[in-house]
Structure formats: C-alpha cells, structure tokens
Amino acid sequence: MKKCILFLILLGIASGCSAVSSQGEHNHEQVSAPHSVDSQDQEVEKLVVQRGHDRFVFENPSRCMGILVNAKDLYRFAYRRDGEELGDEQKLPFLQEKLEEGTSQYDKVYIRIVQKPFIPESGVNEFPRKDIVIYLDPQNPNDAFVGVQNPHNLDEWKIYQVKDYGGWVKKEIDLHLALHTGL
C-alpha cells in the first residue's frame, strides 16, 4: 500500500508544470478544430530581456518559464482590467533594433515576447496581436507599460499603462537574469 501511494506521488511530481495552471486553476484538454490556435498556448519563438544596455535572448523558452507566465498575465491584466490605453501612435524606437543578444544603444528595461501573429477567429474574445512588450519608462518609473504589436501593421503598437507595476517588472527581470545568466 505504501509503495502504491509513493508511486502515485512520484507520478504526480514527474508530470511537471503541465498539470498546474499559472493561476491555480485546473487545465482541461479540449479538442479544437484543425488549424485553430489557442491564444493561451501560442508558441513563443523568443523571449528578449533587456536591462540597461545589456540584451539577452532566450530561444524557444518553456511555456512554464516564470517570467514568461507572469508577463503574459500582466498583458491580460492590462488590456482586460486595469490598463489605461494610451493609443496607437506611441513610437518605440528601442524595438526597431535586431532581436539579437548583445549591447543595445538604448538604455531600457523591458521584456519582449516574440511570437507568431495571432488573429482570433470570429466569436473569440481576444485581441489580434503579434509581439508583446512590457517596458519601463524613466518618466514614470513606478508604472509598467504593455505594448501589443498589431499583426497587420508591425510598426504599430497599442500601449497600456499599468499603474504601480514598474518595480515589480524590474524585480521580475532581475530575478530572471540572476537565475538564467548568473548576473
């Protein structure tokens, strides 16, 4: 009996993060129509993290990576609930640089989720998007800014301001870089 219970516990641990939702909810497998994309599981091609002039690129990051899960949660929080939309005209010149690891000419703090374009099917309550960027603005250091790239016009970003999350974003980046780069 003890061996059976121990086996079940080990089996549960071995299943990894796929059995645990980022918000404590249970994930239920659903069979979707062919060519349908679940926006929650949209594949991330790259995760770009910049602190100061140092830019780090993580290719094909795990869906369970903490900074990625939290960045996506902040994105959903910004556009669904708490973000103050600043409009489409915002220019983000630091995002025009190549998405390569190295030194940037811009002194910025940001997280960029590089992914394939997502255009929701009719009846799906999601916004179309390509990349998502979460960045800090030195003029408003206490706030976080969430940029959502238009999948039809890649030069256009919709910006949301999320009050009082700037310190949290900086700590997320510091923690991620400490754990994954040793800095």
C-alpha atoms as a PDB file:
ATOM      1  CA  MET A   1       0.000   0.000   0.000  1.00  0.00           C
ATOM      2  CA  LYS A   2       2.836   2.419   0.880  1.00  0.00           C
ATOM      3  CA  LYS A   3       4.553   1.625  -2.426  1.00  0.00           C
ATOM      4  CA  CYS A   4       1.346   2.427  -4.310  1.00  0.00           C
ATOM      5  CA  ILE A   5       0.958   5.806  -2.578  1.00  0.00           C
ATOM      6  CA  LEU A   6       4.639   6.629  -3.120  1.00  0.00           C
ATOM      7  CA  PHE A   7       4.301   5.684  -6.791  1.00  0.00           C
ATOM      8  CA  LEU A   8       1.285   7.985  -7.197  1.00  0.00           C
ATOM      9  CA  ILE A   9       3.125  10.880  -5.527  1.00  0.00           C
ATOM     10  CA  LEU A  10       6.180  10.393  -7.747  1.00  0.00           C
ATOM     11  CA  LEU A  11       3.958  10.150 -10.823  1.00  0.00           C
ATOM     12  CA  GLY A  12       2.315  13.458  -9.876  1.00  0.00           C
ATOM     13  CA  ILE A  13       5.686  15.156  -9.404  1.00  0.00           C
ATOM     14  CA  ALA A  14       7.023  13.748 -12.678  1.00  0.00           C
ATOM     15  CA  SER A  15       4.119  15.208 -14.642  1.00  0.00           C
ATOM     16  CA  GLY A  16       5.707  18.671 -14.208  1.00  0.00           C
ATOM     17  CA  CYS A  17       4.160  22.023 -14.744  1.00  0.00           C
ATOM     18  CA  SER A  18       1.758  20.903 -17.460  1.00  0.00           C
ATOM     19  CA  ALA A  19      -0.689  19.755 -14.795  1.00  0.00           C
ATOM     20  CA  VAL A  20      -0.546  23.033 -12.878  1.00  0.00           C
ATOM     21  CA  SER A  21      -2.096  26.244 -14.149  1.00  0.00           C
ATOM     22  CA  SER A  22      -0.350  29.546 -13.592  1.00  0.00           C
ATOM     23  CA  GLN A  23      -3.349  30.817 -11.663  1.00  0.00           C
ATOM     24  CA  GLY A  24      -4.155  27.732  -9.630  1.00  0.00           C
ATOM     25  CA  GLU A  25      -6.932  26.568 -11.940  1.00  0.00           C
ATOM     26  CA  HIS A  26      -7.071  23.103 -13.439  1.00  0.00           C
ATOM     27  CA  ASN A  27      -6.263  22.799 -17.121  1.00  0.00           C
ATOM     28  CA  HIS A  28      -8.685  20.723 -19.135  1.00  0.00           C
ATOM     29  CA  GLU A  29      -7.698  19.319 -22.504  1.00  0.00           C
ATOM     30  CA  GLN A  30     -10.037  20.377 -25.281  1.00  0.00           C
ATOM     31  CA  VAL A  31     -10.186  19.051 -28.777  1.00  0.00           C
ATOM     32  CA  SER A  32     -10.106  22.020 -31.112  1.00  0.00           C
ATOM     33  CA  ALA A  33     -10.851  22.302 -34.784  1.00  0.00           C
ATOM     34  CA  PRO A  34      -7.931  21.818 -37.164  1.00  0.00           C
ATOM     35  CA  HIS A  35      -5.828  24.976 -37.729  1.00  0.00           C
ATOM     36  CA  SER A  36      -7.317  26.591 -34.631  1.00  0.00           C
ATOM     37  CA  VAL A  37      -4.883  28.346 -32.282  1.00  0.00           C
ATOM     38  CA  ASP A  38      -5.481  28.550 -28.553  1.00  0.00           C
ATOM     39  CA  SER A  39      -4.236  32.017 -27.622  1.00  0.00           C
ATOM     40  CA  GLN A  40      -3.190  30.854 -24.164  1.00  0.00           C
ATOM     41  CA  ASP A  41      -0.788  28.321 -25.704  1.00  0.00           C
ATOM     42  CA  GLN A  42       0.532  30.484 -28.527  1.00  0.00           C
ATOM     43  CA  GLU A  43       4.084  29.341 -29.208  1.00  0.00           C
ATOM     44  CA  VAL A  44       6.782  31.793 -28.176  1.00  0.00           C
ATOM     45  CA  GLU A  45       9.685  31.951 -30.605  1.00  0.00           C
ATOM     46  CA  LYS A  46      11.949  34.168 -28.486  1.00  0.00           C
ATOM     47  CA  LEU A  47      11.988  35.913 -25.164  1.00  0.00           C
ATOM     48  CA  VAL A  48      14.073  39.095 -25.237  1.00  0.00           C
ATOM     49  CA  VAL A  49      15.039  40.635 -21.897  1.00  0.00           C
ATOM     50  CA  GLN A  50      16.927  43.888 -21.649  1.00  0.00           C
ATOM     51  CA  ARG A  51      18.277  45.618 -18.544  1.00  0.00           C
ATOM     52  CA  GLY A  52      20.214  48.805 -19.182  1.00  0.00           C
ATOM     53  CA  HIS A  53      22.228  48.314 -22.366  1.00  0.00           C
ATOM     54  CA  ASP A  54      22.523  44.515 -21.937  1.00  0.00           C
ATOM     55  CA  ARG A  55      20.093  42.471 -24.046  1.00  0.00           C
ATOM     56  CA  PHE A  56      19.581  38.718 -23.582  1.00  0.00           C
ATOM     57  CA  VAL A  57      17.701  36.430 -25.965  1.00  0.00           C
ATOM     58  CA  PHE A  58      16.179  33.092 -24.973  1.00  0.00           C
ATOM     59  CA  GLU A  59      15.205  30.958 -27.986  1.00  0.00           C
ATOM     60  CA  ASN A  60      12.059  28.803 -27.730  1.00  0.00           C
ATOM     61  CA  PRO A  61      11.553  29.326 -23.987  1.00  0.00           C
ATOM     62  CA  SER A  62       9.496  26.902 -21.953  1.00  0.00           C
ATOM     63  CA  ARG A  63       5.827  27.854 -21.555  1.00  0.00           C
ATOM     64  CA  CYS A  64       6.336  27.336 -17.817  1.00  0.00           C
ATOM     65  CA  MET A  65       9.195  29.863 -17.518  1.00  0.00           C
ATOM     66  CA  GLY A  66       8.188  32.170 -14.661  1.00  0.00           C
ATOM     67  CA  ILE A  67       8.940  35.490 -16.349  1.00  0.00           C
ATOM     68  CA  LEU A  68       7.012  34.397 -19.451  1.00  0.00           C
ATOM     69  CA  VAL A  69       3.952  33.280 -17.499  1.00  0.00           C
ATOM     70  CA  ASN A  70       3.971  36.477 -15.430  1.00  0.00           C
ATOM     71  CA  ALA A  71       4.490  38.724 -18.473  1.00  0.00           C
ATOM     72  CA  LYS A  72       1.510  37.134 -20.224  1.00  0.00           C
ATOM     73  CA  ASP A  73      -0.559  37.532 -17.057  1.00  0.00           C
ATOM     74  CA  LEU A  74       0.339  41.243 -16.875  1.00  0.00           C
ATOM     75  CA  TYR A  75      -0.609  41.611 -20.550  1.00  0.00           C
ATOM     76  CA  ARG A  76      -4.055  40.081 -19.897  1.00  0.00           C
ATOM     77  CA  PHE A  77      -4.435  42.195 -16.760  1.00  0.00           C
ATOM     78  CA  ALA A  78      -3.575  45.369 -18.698  1.00  0.00           C
ATOM     79  CA  TYR A  79      -5.975  45.009 -21.583  1.00  0.00           C
ATOM     80  CA  ARG A  80      -8.853  43.341 -19.746  1.00  0.00           C
ATOM     81  CA  ARG A  81      -8.970  45.191 -16.498  1.00  0.00           C
ATOM     82  CA  ASP A  82      -6.517  47.729 -15.229  1.00  0.00           C
ATOM     83  CA  GLY A  83      -4.518  49.158 -18.102  1.00  0.00           C
ATOM     84  CA  GLU A  84      -5.069  52.715 -19.220  1.00  0.00           C
ATOM     85  CA  GLU A  85      -4.894  52.709 -23.013  1.00  0.00           C
ATOM     86  CA  LEU A  86      -2.542  55.393 -24.323  1.00  0.00           C
ATOM     87  CA  GLY A  87      -3.324  54.918 -28.013  1.00  0.00           C
ATOM     88  CA  ASP A  88      -1.657  53.607 -31.147  1.00  0.00           C
ATOM     89  CA  GLU A  89       0.689  56.445 -32.038  1.00  0.00           C
ATOM     90  CA  GLN A  90       3.345  55.582 -29.459  1.00  0.00           C
ATOM     91  CA  LYS A  91       6.750  55.137 -31.127  1.00  0.00           C
ATOM     92  CA  LEU A  92       9.062  52.598 -29.548  1.00  0.00           C
ATOM     93  CA  PRO A  93      12.448  53.100 -31.248  1.00  0.00           C
ATOM     94  CA  PHE A  94      14.240  50.616 -28.972  1.00  0.00           C
ATOM     95  CA  LEU A  95      12.131  47.840 -30.517  1.00  0.00           C
ATOM     96  CA  GLN A  96      13.494  48.573 -34.007  1.00  0.00           C
ATOM     97  CA  GLU A  97      16.846  47.015 -33.089  1.00  0.00           C
ATOM     98  CA  LYS A  98      17.666  43.475 -34.155  1.00  0.00           C
ATOM     99  CA  LEU A  99      16.471  40.785 -31.770  1.00  0.00           C
ATOM    100  CA  GLU A 100      19.963  39.553 -31.015  1.00  0.00           C
ATOM    101  CA  GLU A 101      21.836  39.118 -27.764  1.00  0.00           C
ATOM    102  CA  GLY A 102      24.394  41.814 -27.060  1.00  0.00           C
ATOM    103  CA  THR A 103      24.635  45.504 -26.314  1.00  0.00           C
ATOM    104  CA  SER A 104      21.872  47.948 -27.185  1.00  0.00           C
ATOM    105  CA  GLN A 105      22.284  51.626 -27.964  1.00  0.00           C
ATOM    106  CA  TYR A 106      19.193  52.276 -25.815  1.00  0.00           C
ATOM    107  CA  ASP A 107      19.295  52.213 -22.013  1.00  0.00           C
ATOM    108  CA  LYS A 108      15.986  50.403 -21.435  1.00  0.00           C
ATOM    109  CA  VAL A 109      14.360  47.821 -19.191  1.00  0.00           C
ATOM    110  CA  TYR A 110      11.931  45.530 -20.998  1.00  0.00           C
ATOM    111  CA  ILE A 111      10.630  42.044 -21.722  1.00  0.00           C
ATOM    112  CA  ARG A 112       9.583  41.212 -25.281  1.00  0.00           C
ATOM    113  CA  ILE A 113       7.662  38.090 -26.179  1.00  0.00           C
ATOM    114  CA  VAL A 114       8.291  37.330 -29.853  1.00  0.00           C
ATOM    115  CA  GLN A 115       5.597  35.115 -31.308  1.00  0.00           C
ATOM    116  CA  LYS A 116       3.715  34.375 -34.493  1.00  0.00           C
ATOM    117  CA  PRO A 117       0.750  36.617 -35.297  1.00  0.00           C
ATOM    118  CA  PHE A 118      -2.499  35.720 -33.576  1.00  0.00           C
ATOM    119  CA  ILE A 119      -5.706  36.699 -35.348  1.00  0.00           C
ATOM    120  CA  PRO A 120      -8.733  35.378 -33.472  1.00  0.00           C
ATOM    121  CA  GLU A 121     -11.490  33.553 -35.239  1.00  0.00           C
ATOM    122  CA  SER A 122     -14.951  35.079 -35.327  1.00  0.00           C
ATOM    123  CA  GLY A 123     -16.585  34.924 -31.894  1.00  0.00           C
ATOM    124  CA  VAL A 124     -13.312  34.632 -29.936  1.00  0.00           C
ATOM    125  CA  ASN A 125     -12.960  37.303 -27.250  1.00  0.00           C
ATOM    126  CA  GLU A 126      -9.268  38.113 -27.819  1.00  0.00           C
ATOM    127  CA  PHE A 127      -7.412  40.945 -29.485  1.00  0.00           C
ATOM    128  CA  PRO A 128      -5.301  40.313 -32.575  1.00  0.00           C
ATOM    129  CA  ARG A 129      -1.598  40.650 -31.812  1.00  0.00           C
ATOM    130  CA  LYS A 130       1.903  39.650 -32.681  1.00  0.00           C
ATOM    131  CA  ASP A 131       4.605  40.523 -30.141  1.00  0.00           C
ATOM    132  CA  ILE A 132       4.019  41.748 -26.601  1.00  0.00           C
ATOM    133  CA  VAL A 133       6.475  44.052 -24.843  1.00  0.00           C
ATOM    134  CA  ILE A 134       6.476  45.113 -21.206  1.00  0.00           C
ATOM    135  CA  TYR A 135       8.763  48.031 -20.504  1.00  0.00           C
ATOM    136  CA  LEU A 136       9.593  50.777 -18.051  1.00  0.00           C
ATOM    137  CA  ASP A 137       9.623  54.478 -18.862  1.00  0.00           C
ATOM    138  CA  PRO A 138      12.068  56.645 -16.860  1.00  0.00           C
ATOM    139  CA  GLN A 139       9.456  59.433 -16.813  1.00  0.00           C
ATOM    140  CA  ASN A 140       7.025  57.108 -14.950  1.00  0.00           C
ATOM    141  CA  PRO A 141       9.291  54.671 -13.043  1.00  0.00           C
ATOM    142  CA  ASN A 142       6.504  53.328 -10.827  1.00  0.00           C
ATOM    143  CA  ASP A 143       4.373  52.199 -13.756  1.00  0.00           C
ATOM    144  CA  ALA A 144       4.714  49.386 -16.272  1.00  0.00           C
ATOM    145  CA  PHE A 145       3.813  49.811 -19.915  1.00  0.00           C
ATOM    146  CA  VAL A 146       2.444  46.967 -22.022  1.00  0.00           C
ATOM    147  CA  GLY A 147       2.781  47.232 -25.791  1.00  0.00           C
ATOM    148  CA  VAL A 148       0.818  44.998 -28.137  1.00  0.00           C
ATOM    149  CA  GLN A 149       2.013  44.783 -31.732  1.00  0.00           C
ATOM    150  CA  ASN A 150      -0.592  44.981 -34.484  1.00  0.00           C
ATOM    151  CA  PRO A 151      -0.289  41.780 -36.598  1.00  0.00           C
ATOM    152  CA  HIS A 152      -1.466  43.661 -39.719  1.00  0.00           C
ATOM    153  CA  ASN A 153       0.968  46.597 -39.330  1.00  0.00           C
ATOM    154  CA  LEU A 154       4.135  45.584 -37.454  1.00  0.00           C
ATOM    155  CA  ASP A 155       5.173  49.222 -36.901  1.00  0.00           C
ATOM    156  CA  GLU A 156       2.030  49.904 -34.883  1.00  0.00           C
ATOM    157  CA  TRP A 157       1.837  49.194 -31.143  1.00  0.00           C
ATOM    158  CA  LYS A 158      -1.115  49.698 -28.803  1.00  0.00           C
ATOM    159  CA  ILE A 159       0.215  50.853 -25.415  1.00  0.00           C
ATOM    160  CA  TYR A 160      -1.358  50.310 -21.997  1.00  0.00           C
ATOM    161  CA  GLN A 161      -0.105  51.919 -18.793  1.00  0.00           C
ATOM    162  CA  VAL A 162      -0.427  49.775 -15.663  1.00  0.00           C
ATOM    163  CA  LYS A 163      -0.051  51.890 -12.530  1.00  0.00           C
ATOM    164  CA  ASP A 164       2.310  50.785  -9.732  1.00  0.00           C
ATOM    165  CA  TYR A 165       3.781  47.734 -11.535  1.00  0.00           C
ATOM    166  CA  GLY A 166       7.130  49.242 -12.574  1.00  0.00           C
ATOM    167  CA  GLY A 167       9.016  47.962  -9.515  1.00  0.00           C
ATOM    168  CA  TRP A 168       7.519  44.512  -9.945  1.00  0.00           C
ATOM    169  CA  VAL A 169       8.620  44.311 -13.608  1.00  0.00           C
ATOM    170  CA  LYS A 170      12.163  45.357 -12.666  1.00  0.00           C
ATOM    171  CA  LYS A 171      12.288  42.678  -9.949  1.00  0.00           C
ATOM    172  CA  GLU A 172      10.973  40.031 -12.389  1.00  0.00           C
ATOM    173  CA  ILE A 173      13.751  40.903 -14.827  1.00  0.00           C
ATOM    174  CA  ASP A 174      16.414  40.950 -12.104  1.00  0.00           C
ATOM    175  CA  LEU A 175      15.277  37.556 -10.805  1.00  0.00           C
ATOM    176  CA  HIS A 176      15.153  36.023 -14.287  1.00  0.00           C
ATOM    177  CA  LEU A 177      18.607  37.274 -15.235  1.00  0.00           C
ATOM    178  CA  ALA A 178      20.065  36.158 -11.902  1.00  0.00           C
ATOM    179  CA  LEU A 179      18.685  32.647 -12.355  1.00  0.00           C
ATOM    180  CA  HIS A 180      19.354  32.196 -16.077  1.00  0.00           C
ATOM    181  CA  THR A 181      22.522  34.197 -16.751  1.00  0.00           C
ATOM    182  CA  GLY A 182      24.234  34.395 -13.374  1.00  0.00           C
ATOM    183  CA  LEU A 183      24.110  38.205 -13.271  1.00  0.00           C
END
